[in-house]
Each structure stands twice: as C-alpha cells, then as structure tokens.
Amino acid sequence: MKKSITRDIEKAYTKSEFIKKLRRFADALETNRKFSIQIANEKISVPKNALINIEHERGKKEEEIEFQIRWEL
C-alpha cells in the first residue's frame, strides 16, 4: 500500500472557479455520489459518506468560514 505524505495546502480561486467547484460538490452530495477535485496538481477523491461541517473563526482583525470535508483513510 502506498504511504500518503502529510500535506497542508491552501489554494485561492477566482469567484467563478469557486462557484463551479461548489456547484459540482453540491450536485455530488445531492445525488449521493463521490466527489473528485484536483488541488495543486493532486486529484482527490472524496467518498460519498464523508463528514461535512462548517467552521467559523473570529479574531480581532479578521473572520473566517471554512467548509470542511473529512473522511477516514
């Protein structure tokens, strides 16, 4: 079995690119299908039973919302 390498990447997208990705993800969720996405030259397959949550962080100078998708390997 191939060992996976730890990775922590943050990738910025234009608004229209982000909307397309969200729309494809929402369609996969709605039809109970896995979702595939390429991030920084690596194709990621998200299983249909992945856990989904939304995180909100507030600091003194900025706020952040993260849409998180997690699954076990």
Protein backbone atom coordinates (compact mmCIF):
# COMPACT_ATOMS: atom_id res chain seq x y z
CA MET A 1 0.00 0.00 0.00
CA LYS A 2 1.28 3.45 -0.91
CA LYS A 3 2.09 5.72 2.05
CA SER A 4 0.43 9.11 1.87
CA ILE A 5 2.52 12.19 2.54
CA THR A 6 1.22 14.77 5.00
CA ARG A 7 0.10 17.88 3.17
CA ASP A 8 -1.43 21.22 4.15
CA ILE A 9 -2.25 23.43 1.17
CA GLU A 10 -4.41 26.50 0.88
CA LYS A 11 -5.38 27.35 -2.71
CA ALA A 12 -7.05 30.57 -3.81
CA TYR A 13 -9.63 30.51 -6.62
CA THR A 14 -11.49 33.17 -8.52
CA LYS A 15 -15.11 33.60 -7.52
CA SER A 16 -16.34 31.86 -10.69
CA GLU A 17 -13.95 28.89 -10.20
CA PHE A 18 -15.08 28.54 -6.58
CA ILE A 19 -18.75 28.63 -7.58
CA LYS A 20 -18.19 25.88 -10.19
CA LYS A 21 -16.44 23.66 -7.64
CA LEU A 22 -19.14 24.25 -5.01
CA ARG A 23 -21.86 23.52 -7.54
CA ARG A 24 -20.20 20.23 -8.58
CA PHE A 25 -19.77 19.28 -4.90
CA ALA A 26 -23.40 20.12 -4.10
CA ASP A 27 -24.55 18.03 -7.08
CA ALA A 28 -22.45 15.06 -5.86
CA LEU A 29 -23.88 15.40 -2.34
CA GLU A 30 -27.43 15.64 -3.60
CA THR A 31 -27.10 12.52 -5.75
CA ASN A 32 -25.10 10.57 -3.11
CA ARG A 33 -22.01 10.24 -5.31
CA LYS A 34 -18.31 10.58 -4.55
CA PHE A 35 -16.71 13.92 -5.46
CA SER A 36 -13.38 14.35 -7.24
CA ILE A 37 -11.36 17.55 -7.23
CA GLN A 38 -7.82 18.47 -8.23
CA ILE A 39 -5.93 20.72 -5.81
CA ALA A 40 -2.35 21.86 -6.52
CA ASN A 41 -1.84 19.11 -9.12
CA GLU A 42 -3.19 16.26 -6.98
CA LYS A 43 -6.50 14.56 -7.69
CA ILE A 44 -8.53 13.96 -4.53
CA SER A 45 -11.50 11.58 -4.34
CA VAL A 46 -13.96 12.42 -1.58
CA PRO A 47 -16.15 9.44 -0.66
CA LYS A 48 -19.91 9.89 -0.64
CA ASN A 49 -20.04 9.21 3.11
CA ALA A 50 -17.55 11.95 4.07
CA LEU A 51 -18.39 14.12 7.09
CA ILE A 52 -19.18 17.73 6.29
CA ASN A 53 -19.11 20.70 8.64
CA ILE A 54 -18.79 24.47 8.59
CA GLU A 55 -16.36 26.20 10.91
CA HIS A 56 -16.41 29.88 11.88
CA GLU A 57 -13.47 31.65 13.49
CA ARG A 58 -13.39 35.26 14.66
CA GLY A 59 -10.27 37.17 15.64
CA LYS A 60 -9.63 40.81 16.42
CA LYS A 61 -8.72 41.64 12.81
CA GLU A 62 -10.47 39.03 10.65
CA GLU A 63 -13.13 36.38 10.42
CA GLU A 64 -13.04 33.08 8.60
CA ILE A 65 -15.54 30.49 7.44
CA GLU A 66 -14.24 27.08 6.41
CA PHE A 67 -16.27 24.43 4.64
CA GLN A 68 -14.67 21.20 5.85
CA ILE A 69 -14.99 17.74 4.37
CA ARG A 70 -13.42 14.86 6.30
CA TRP A 71 -13.14 11.13 5.82
CA GLU A 72 -11.09 8.28 7.16
CA LEU A 73 -8.39 6.70 5.03
